[in-house]
Amino acid sequence: MLLLPACAVAQEVKPEATEDWLRKPPLVTPAGPNRAPSDAIVLFAGAKDLDKWEHPDGSAVKWEVKGNVLTIVPKTKDIRTKQSFGSMQLHIEWKTPDPEENHGRNNMGNSGVLFMGLYELQIYESYDYRERIYYNGQAGSIYKQYAPLANASLPPQTWQTFDVVFEAPVFNADSTLKTPARITVFQNGILIQNHVAIKGPMVYAGYPKYVYHPARLPLVLQEHGSKVSFRNIWVREL
């Protein structure tokens, strides 16, 4: 059997045979300071964007807005987007409050981002484990499922970022699961979740399992008794 050098085999294929001139990528202006990419859906950049959100009962948002900052008002419940989403790229900036104003596990900057209102990426004051929480409950965890690969948290009252790629689950025609949700997360520029397969919707007690749901659902920000602040929230649908 005659074996030809790799270069000889490659020369049998013309260069243009492997050139793609059909699928032209769209032009997108990248994000800049306090600016979303040109194809992004801006969910919050100031008071004008509050009409994109509501409480679960459909009422107007009761959280506090000052300039371009949205801060949780305890006991007012979660908020969700009026628009529904499936797979997405998300950018969100968040800040935990002064620890002197927070006492107890539930108040240590406790909040979360729930993709499709079901799959939680945890927000928590985790800089120095001042009040230790289980590792799959600290900031950057997929709550009660995956601890972050690294603790990339900054001190309290410091703005932090999550940059996330979320792939929505896919269900079969008979409502059984075809492919699970997957998530990749960068916290403050550090990879902390690497394309992990989410085990099911967030549950506090017990084990998660998938139950059929629509392909698009609202994004939820959790109110958990702590005055966590948010700014510069945008998504790109995938």
C-alpha atoms as a PDB file:
ATOM      1  CA  MET A   1       0.000   0.000   0.000  1.00  0.00           C
ATOM      2  CA  LEU A   2       1.409   3.337  -1.068  1.00  0.00           C
ATOM      3  CA  LEU A   3       1.199   6.054   1.561  1.00  0.00           C
ATOM      4  CA  LEU A   4       1.324   9.592   0.233  1.00  0.00           C
ATOM      5  CA  PRO A   5       2.709  12.464   2.297  1.00  0.00           C
ATOM      6  CA  ALA A   6      -0.005  14.612   3.895  1.00  0.00           C
ATOM      7  CA  CYS A   7       1.067  17.582   1.748  1.00  0.00           C
ATOM      8  CA  ALA A   8       0.542  15.546  -1.417  1.00  0.00           C
ATOM      9  CA  VAL A   9      -3.014  14.600  -0.383  1.00  0.00           C
ATOM     10  CA  ALA A  10      -3.837  18.194   0.479  1.00  0.00           C
ATOM     11  CA  GLN A  11      -2.696  19.368  -2.949  1.00  0.00           C
ATOM     12  CA  GLU A  12      -5.394  17.237  -4.586  1.00  0.00           C
ATOM     13  CA  VAL A  13      -8.080  19.574  -3.115  1.00  0.00           C
ATOM     14  CA  LYS A  14      -8.231  23.088  -4.479  1.00  0.00           C
ATOM     15  CA  PRO A  15      -8.053  25.791  -1.790  1.00  0.00           C
ATOM     16  CA  GLU A  16     -11.396  27.306  -2.838  1.00  0.00           C
ATOM     17  CA  ALA A  17     -13.142  23.973  -2.176  1.00  0.00           C
ATOM     18  CA  THR A  18     -12.987  24.650   1.568  1.00  0.00           C
ATOM     19  CA  GLU A  19     -13.757  28.381   1.453  1.00  0.00           C
ATOM     20  CA  ASP A  20     -17.160  29.390   2.827  1.00  0.00           C
ATOM     21  CA  TRP A  21     -18.650  32.342   0.928  1.00  0.00           C
ATOM     22  CA  LEU A  22     -22.280  31.546   1.790  1.00  0.00           C
ATOM     23  CA  ARG A  23     -22.691  32.032   5.564  1.00  0.00           C
ATOM     24  CA  LYS A  24     -21.644  35.642   6.103  1.00  0.00           C
ATOM     25  CA  PRO A  25     -21.452  36.525   9.824  1.00  0.00           C
ATOM     26  CA  PRO A  26     -23.535  39.596  10.731  1.00  0.00           C
ATOM     27  CA  LEU A  27     -21.741  42.749  11.796  1.00  0.00           C
ATOM     28  CA  VAL A  28     -21.962  43.403  15.541  1.00  0.00           C
ATOM     29  CA  THR A  29     -20.448  46.372  17.339  1.00  0.00           C
ATOM     30  CA  PRO A  30     -18.906  44.985  20.547  1.00  0.00           C
ATOM     31  CA  ALA A  31     -19.846  46.171  24.009  1.00  0.00           C
ATOM     32  CA  GLY A  32     -17.997  49.088  25.561  1.00  0.00           C
ATOM     33  CA  PRO A  33     -18.062  50.780  28.974  1.00  0.00           C
ATOM     34  CA  ASN A  34     -21.741  50.952  29.983  1.00  0.00           C
ATOM     35  CA  ARG A  35     -22.718  50.027  26.429  1.00  0.00           C
ATOM     36  CA  ALA A  36     -24.259  46.811  25.151  1.00  0.00           C
ATOM     37  CA  PRO A  37     -23.397  45.167  21.815  1.00  0.00           C
ATOM     38  CA  SER A  38     -25.315  46.549  18.851  1.00  0.00           C
ATOM     39  CA  ASP A  39     -27.513  43.430  18.539  1.00  0.00           C
ATOM     40  CA  ALA A  40     -28.259  43.068  22.266  1.00  0.00           C
ATOM     41  CA  ILE A  41     -31.580  43.453  24.039  1.00  0.00           C
ATOM     42  CA  VAL A  42     -30.968  45.915  26.865  1.00  0.00           C
ATOM     43  CA  LEU A  43     -32.939  44.760  29.897  1.00  0.00           C
ATOM     44  CA  PHE A  44     -31.752  47.400  32.336  1.00  0.00           C
ATOM     45  CA  ALA A  45     -29.657  50.542  31.924  1.00  0.00           C
ATOM     46  CA  GLY A  46     -31.779  52.927  33.978  1.00  0.00           C
ATOM     47  CA  ALA A  47     -35.321  53.792  35.083  1.00  0.00           C
ATOM     48  CA  LYS A  48     -36.579  53.843  31.490  1.00  0.00           C
ATOM     49  CA  ASP A  49     -36.098  50.078  31.335  1.00  0.00           C
ATOM     50  CA  LEU A  50     -38.214  49.200  34.384  1.00  0.00           C
ATOM     51  CA  ASP A  51     -41.192  48.664  32.097  1.00  0.00           C
ATOM     52  CA  LYS A  52     -39.395  45.553  30.775  1.00  0.00           C
ATOM     53  CA  TRP A  53     -39.801  43.910  34.181  1.00  0.00           C
ATOM     54  CA  GLU A  54     -42.622  42.924  36.522  1.00  0.00           C
ATOM     55  CA  HIS A  55     -43.244  40.997  39.716  1.00  0.00           C
ATOM     56  CA  PRO A  56     -44.584  37.436  39.289  1.00  0.00           C
ATOM     57  CA  ASP A  57     -48.144  38.657  39.881  1.00  0.00           C
ATOM     58  CA  GLY A  58     -47.806  41.111  36.990  1.00  0.00           C
ATOM     59  CA  SER A  59     -47.527  44.198  39.188  1.00  0.00           C
ATOM     60  CA  ALA A  60     -45.090  47.071  38.616  1.00  0.00           C
ATOM     61  CA  VAL A  61     -41.569  46.683  39.986  1.00  0.00           C
ATOM     62  CA  LYS A  62     -41.145  47.891  43.574  1.00  0.00           C
ATOM     63  CA  TRP A  63     -37.351  47.681  43.664  1.00  0.00           C
ATOM     64  CA  GLU A  64     -35.417  50.951  44.020  1.00  0.00           C
ATOM     65  CA  VAL A  65     -33.826  52.719  41.044  1.00  0.00           C
ATOM     66  CA  LYS A  66     -31.174  55.407  41.418  1.00  0.00           C
ATOM     67  CA  GLY A  67     -29.564  56.512  38.174  1.00  0.00           C
ATOM     68  CA  ASN A  68     -28.487  53.348  36.369  1.00  0.00           C
ATOM     69  CA  VAL A  69     -28.632  51.128  39.480  1.00  0.00           C
ATOM     70  CA  LEU A  70     -31.477  48.785  40.433  1.00  0.00           C
ATOM     71  CA  THR A  71     -31.509  47.649  44.087  1.00  0.00           C
ATOM     72  CA  ILE A  72     -33.631  44.991  45.708  1.00  0.00           C
ATOM     73  CA  VAL A  73     -36.184  46.119  48.276  1.00  0.00           C
ATOM     74  CA  PRO A  74     -36.555  43.205  50.717  1.00  0.00           C
ATOM     75  CA  LYS A  75     -39.926  41.459  50.952  1.00  0.00           C
ATOM     76  CA  THR A  76     -41.112  42.782  47.576  1.00  0.00           C
ATOM     77  CA  LYS A  77     -40.558  39.399  45.830  1.00  0.00           C
ATOM     78  CA  ASP A  78     -38.657  38.446  42.681  1.00  0.00           C
ATOM     79  CA  ILE A  79     -38.862  40.294  39.379  1.00  0.00           C
ATOM     80  CA  ARG A  80     -39.016  38.773  35.912  1.00  0.00           C
ATOM     81  CA  THR A  81     -38.723  40.008  32.362  1.00  0.00           C
ATOM     82  CA  LYS A  82     -41.928  40.535  30.429  1.00  0.00           C
ATOM     83  CA  GLN A  83     -40.154  39.065  27.412  1.00  0.00           C
ATOM     84  CA  SER A  84     -39.470  35.341  27.318  1.00  0.00           C
ATOM     85  CA  PHE A  85     -36.141  33.831  26.293  1.00  0.00           C
ATOM     86  CA  GLY A  86     -34.535  30.503  25.458  1.00  0.00           C
ATOM     87  CA  SER A  87     -30.798  30.166  24.822  1.00  0.00           C
ATOM     88  CA  MET A  88     -28.915  33.394  25.430  1.00  0.00           C
ATOM     89  CA  GLN A  89     -25.732  35.246  26.144  1.00  0.00           C
ATOM     90  CA  LEU A  90     -26.215  37.308  29.311  1.00  0.00           C
ATOM     91  CA  HIS A  91     -24.180  40.135  30.796  1.00  0.00           C
ATOM     92  CA  ILE A  92     -25.140  41.343  34.250  1.00  0.00           C
ATOM     93  CA  GLU A  93     -23.322  43.443  36.832  1.00  0.00           C
ATOM     94  CA  TRP A  94     -24.135  43.075  40.523  1.00  0.00           C
ATOM     95  CA  LYS A  95     -22.996  44.316  43.923  1.00  0.00           C
ATOM     96  CA  THR A  96     -23.619  42.937  47.392  1.00  0.00           C
ATOM     97  CA  PRO A  97     -24.406  45.392  50.226  1.00  0.00           C
ATOM     98  CA  ASP A  98     -22.390  46.424  53.276  1.00  0.00           C
ATOM     99  CA  PRO A  99     -21.946  43.301  55.465  1.00  0.00           C
ATOM    100  CA  GLU A 100     -22.636  45.433  58.528  1.00  0.00           C
ATOM    101  CA  GLU A 101     -26.200  45.801  57.276  1.00  0.00           C
ATOM    102  CA  ASN A 102     -26.595  42.089  56.640  1.00  0.00           C
ATOM    103  CA  HIS A 103     -26.875  39.346  59.230  1.00  0.00           C
ATOM    104  CA  GLY A 104     -27.681  35.688  58.785  1.00  0.00           C
ATOM    105  CA  ARG A 105     -27.154  33.329  55.875  1.00  0.00           C
ATOM    106  CA  ASN A 106     -30.130  34.583  53.877  1.00  0.00           C
ATOM    107  CA  ASN A 107     -28.949  38.179  53.937  1.00  0.00           C
ATOM    108  CA  MET A 108     -25.303  37.811  52.933  1.00  0.00           C
ATOM    109  CA  GLY A 109     -25.822  39.342  49.498  1.00  0.00           C
ATOM    110  CA  ASN A 110     -28.181  36.504  48.697  1.00  0.00           C
ATOM    111  CA  SER A 111     -29.842  36.667  45.286  1.00  0.00           C
ATOM    112  CA  GLY A 112     -29.667  34.818  42.004  1.00  0.00           C
ATOM    113  CA  VAL A 113     -30.236  34.847  38.271  1.00  0.00           C
ATOM    114  CA  LEU A 114     -32.766  32.231  37.215  1.00  0.00           C
ATOM    115  CA  PHE A 115     -32.637  31.404  33.534  1.00  0.00           C
ATOM    116  CA  MET A 116     -36.128  30.603  32.282  1.00  0.00           C
ATOM    117  CA  GLY A 117     -37.157  31.246  35.890  1.00  0.00           C
ATOM    118  CA  LEU A 118     -35.888  27.767  36.767  1.00  0.00           C
ATOM    119  CA  TYR A 119     -32.121  27.330  36.516  1.00  0.00           C
ATOM    120  CA  GLU A 120     -30.282  29.392  39.138  1.00  0.00           C
ATOM    121  CA  LEU A 121     -26.869  30.999  38.949  1.00  0.00           C
ATOM    122  CA  GLN A 122     -26.207  32.052  42.546  1.00  0.00           C
ATOM    123  CA  ILE A 123     -25.316  35.532  43.783  1.00  0.00           C
ATOM    124  CA  TYR A 124     -23.847  35.667  47.282  1.00  0.00           C
ATOM    125  CA  GLU A 125     -21.217  37.557  49.287  1.00  0.00           C
ATOM    126  CA  SER A 126     -18.393  35.034  48.966  1.00  0.00           C
ATOM    127  CA  TYR A 127     -15.222  37.139  49.072  1.00  0.00           C
ATOM    128  CA  ASP A 128     -13.722  35.777  52.305  1.00  0.00           C
ATOM    129  CA  TYR A 129     -16.324  33.221  53.406  1.00  0.00           C
ATOM    130  CA  ARG A 130     -17.283  35.602  56.220  1.00  0.00           C
ATOM    131  CA  GLU A 131     -20.305  33.432  56.913  1.00  0.00           C
ATOM    132  CA  ARG A 132     -19.586  30.111  55.276  1.00  0.00           C
ATOM    133  CA  ILE A 133     -22.154  28.538  52.990  1.00  0.00           C
ATOM    134  CA  TYR A 134     -21.912  25.179  51.240  1.00  0.00           C
ATOM    135  CA  TYR A 135     -19.700  25.471  48.156  1.00  0.00           C
ATOM    136  CA  ASN A 136     -22.489  24.746  45.700  1.00  0.00           C
ATOM    137  CA  GLY A 137     -24.352  27.685  47.217  1.00  0.00           C
ATOM    138  CA  GLN A 138     -21.664  30.362  47.033  1.00  0.00           C
ATOM    139  CA  ALA A 139     -21.446  33.038  44.344  1.00  0.00           C
ATOM    140  CA  GLY A 140     -21.108  31.567  40.869  1.00  0.00           C
ATOM    141  CA  SER A 141     -22.524  28.171  41.771  1.00  0.00           C
ATOM    142  CA  ILE A 142     -25.304  26.507  39.867  1.00  0.00           C
ATOM    143  CA  TYR A 143     -27.351  26.408  43.012  1.00  0.00           C
ATOM    144  CA  LYS A 144     -27.157  23.071  44.867  1.00  0.00           C
ATOM    145  CA  GLN A 145     -25.636  21.446  41.748  1.00  0.00           C
ATOM    146  CA  TYR A 146     -22.165  22.739  40.858  1.00  0.00           C
ATOM    147  CA  ALA A 147     -19.687  24.719  42.939  1.00  0.00           C
ATOM    148  CA  PRO A 148     -17.705  27.241  40.871  1.00  0.00           C
ATOM    149  CA  LEU A 149     -14.321  26.151  39.524  1.00  0.00           C
ATOM    150  CA  ALA A 150     -12.772  29.061  41.432  1.00  0.00           C
ATOM    151  CA  ASN A 151     -13.868  31.686  43.931  1.00  0.00           C
ATOM    152  CA  ALA A 152     -13.542  34.809  41.752  1.00  0.00           C
ATOM    153  CA  SER A 153     -15.533  37.054  44.082  1.00  0.00           C
ATOM    154  CA  LEU A 154     -14.581  40.627  44.896  1.00  0.00           C
ATOM    155  CA  PRO A 155     -15.146  42.415  48.243  1.00  0.00           C
ATOM    156  CA  PRO A 156     -18.652  43.533  49.264  1.00  0.00           C
ATOM    157  CA  GLN A 157     -19.903  46.792  47.749  1.00  0.00           C
ATOM    158  CA  THR A 158     -17.707  46.182  44.679  1.00  0.00           C
ATOM    159  CA  TRP A 159     -19.292  45.828  41.252  1.00  0.00           C
ATOM    160  CA  GLN A 160     -18.907  42.320  39.832  1.00  0.00           C
ATOM    161  CA  THR A 161     -19.862  40.779  36.499  1.00  0.00           C
ATOM    162  CA  PHE A 162     -21.339  37.556  35.218  1.00  0.00           C
ATOM    163  CA  ASP A 163     -20.927  36.826  31.518  1.00  0.00           C
ATOM    164  CA  VAL A 164     -22.942  33.742  30.703  1.00  0.00           C
ATOM    165  CA  VAL A 165     -23.777  31.472  27.795  1.00  0.00           C
ATOM    166  CA  PHE A 166     -26.965  29.570  28.620  1.00  0.00           C
ATOM    167  CA  GLU A 167     -28.249  26.798  26.344  1.00  0.00           C
ATOM    168  CA  ALA A 168     -31.897  25.997  26.993  1.00  0.00           C
ATOM    169  CA  PRO A 169     -32.994  22.370  27.388  1.00  0.00           C
ATOM    170  CA  VAL A 170     -34.733  20.618  24.520  1.00  0.00           C
ATOM    171  CA  PHE A 171     -37.675  18.272  24.984  1.00  0.00           C
ATOM    172  CA  ASN A 172     -38.971  15.498  22.739  1.00  0.00           C
ATOM    173  CA  ALA A 173     -42.460  15.493  21.255  1.00  0.00           C
ATOM    174  CA  ASP A 174     -43.615  13.246  24.110  1.00  0.00           C
ATOM    175  CA  SER A 175     -42.348  15.823  26.663  1.00  0.00           C
ATOM    176  CA  THR A 176     -39.364  13.725  27.741  1.00  0.00           C
ATOM    177  CA  LEU A 177     -35.963  15.380  27.929  1.00  0.00           C
ATOM    178  CA  LYS A 178     -33.876  15.295  24.754  1.00  0.00           C
ATOM    179  CA  THR A 179     -30.902  17.437  25.815  1.00  0.00           C
ATOM    180  CA  PRO A 180     -30.304  19.129  29.181  1.00  0.00           C
ATOM    181  CA  ALA A 181     -29.638  22.815  29.682  1.00  0.00           C
ATOM    182  CA  ARG A 182     -25.955  23.769  29.677  1.00  0.00           C
ATOM    183  CA  ILE A 183     -24.210  26.817  31.068  1.00  0.00           C
ATOM    184  CA  THR A 184     -20.820  28.505  30.826  1.00  0.00           C
ATOM    185  CA  VAL A 185     -20.053  31.339  33.250  1.00  0.00           C
ATOM    186  CA  PHE A 186     -17.278  33.883  33.580  1.00  0.00           C
ATOM    187  CA  GLN A 187     -17.225  35.833  36.855  1.00  0.00           C
ATOM    188  CA  ASN A 188     -15.108  38.973  36.724  1.00  0.00           C
ATOM    189  CA  GLY A 189     -13.375  37.550  33.650  1.00  0.00           C
ATOM    190  CA  ILE A 190     -12.588  34.170  35.275  1.00  0.00           C
ATOM    191  CA  LEU A 191     -14.103  30.938  33.943  1.00  0.00           C
ATOM    192  CA  ILE A 192     -16.074  29.421  36.818  1.00  0.00           C
ATOM    193  CA  GLN A 193     -18.550  27.087  35.047  1.00  0.00           C
ATOM    194  CA  ASN A 194     -17.382  25.289  31.910  1.00  0.00           C
ATOM    195  CA  HIS A 195     -20.307  24.126  29.755  1.00  0.00           C
ATOM    196  CA  VAL A 196     -21.803  22.061  32.577  1.00  0.00           C
ATOM    197  CA  ALA A 197     -25.010  20.093  32.054  1.00  0.00           C
ATOM    198  CA  ILE A 198     -27.643  21.441  34.442  1.00  0.00           C
ATOM    199  CA  LYS A 199     -29.376  18.602  36.296  1.00  0.00           C
ATOM    200  CA  GLY A 200     -32.801  20.234  36.363  1.00  0.00           C
ATOM    201  CA  PRO A 201     -34.618  23.240  37.836  1.00  0.00           C
ATOM    202  CA  MET A 202     -33.318  24.634  41.120  1.00  0.00           C
ATOM    203  CA  VAL A 203     -34.647  22.964  44.252  1.00  0.00           C
ATOM    204  CA  TYR A 204     -33.645  23.793  47.825  1.00  0.00           C
ATOM    205  CA  ALA A 205     -34.347  20.321  49.237  1.00  0.00           C
ATOM    206  CA  GLY A 206     -34.161  17.092  47.308  1.00  0.00           C
ATOM    207  CA  TYR A 207     -32.745  16.342  43.885  1.00  0.00           C
ATOM    208  CA  PRO A 208     -33.511  18.257  40.675  1.00  0.00           C
ATOM    209  CA  LYS A 209     -35.302  16.642  37.765  1.00  0.00           C
ATOM    210  CA  TYR A 210     -36.573  17.958  34.477  1.00  0.00           C
ATOM    211  CA  VAL A 211     -40.248  18.542  33.832  1.00  0.00           C
ATOM    212  CA  TYR A 212     -41.435  19.674  30.404  1.00  0.00           C
ATOM    213  CA  HIS A 213     -41.819  23.432  29.972  1.00  0.00           C
ATOM    214  CA  PRO A 214     -42.108  25.901  27.073  1.00  0.00           C
ATOM    215  CA  ALA A 215     -39.051  26.645  24.936  1.00  0.00           C
ATOM    216  CA  ARG A 216     -39.051  30.297  26.049  1.00  0.00           C
ATOM    217  CA  LEU A 217     -39.661  31.673  29.544  1.00  0.00           C
ATOM    218  CA  PRO A 218     -38.835  34.903  31.414  1.00  0.00           C
ATOM    219  CA  LEU A 219     -35.487  35.651  33.037  1.00  0.00           C
ATOM    220  CA  VAL A 220     -35.858  36.104  36.814  1.00  0.00           C
ATOM    221  CA  LEU A 221     -33.851  38.059  39.400  1.00  0.00           C
ATOM    222  CA  GLN A 222     -34.335  36.675  42.886  1.00  0.00           C
ATOM    223  CA  GLU A 223     -35.318  38.702  45.953  1.00  0.00           C
ATOM    224  CA  HIS A 224     -33.983  36.866  49.004  1.00  0.00           C
ATOM    225  CA  GLY A 225     -34.041  39.504  51.726  1.00  0.00           C
ATOM    226  CA  SER A 226     -30.763  41.224  50.820  1.00  0.00           C
ATOM    227  CA  LYS A 227     -30.248  44.631  49.184  1.00  0.00           C
ATOM    228  CA  VAL A 228     -28.254  43.393  46.191  1.00  0.00           C
ATOM    229  CA  SER A 229     -27.852  45.931  43.374  1.00  0.00           C
ATOM    230  CA  PHE A 230     -27.750  45.428  39.602  1.00  0.00           C
ATOM    231  CA  ARG A 231     -26.784  47.458  36.558  1.00  0.00           C
ATOM    232  CA  ASN A 232     -25.970  47.066  32.859  1.00  0.00           C
ATOM    233  CA  ILE A 233     -28.087  43.994  32.086  1.00  0.00           C
ATOM    234  CA  TRP A 234     -28.288  42.851  28.487  1.00  0.00           C
ATOM    235  CA  VAL A 235     -28.851  39.664  26.516  1.00  0.00           C
ATOM    236  CA  ARG A 236     -28.136  38.380  23.043  1.00  0.00           C
ATOM    237  CA  GLU A 237     -30.514  35.670  21.908  1.00  0.00           C
ATOM    238  CA  LEU A 238     -28.786  32.566  20.559  1.00  0.00           C
END
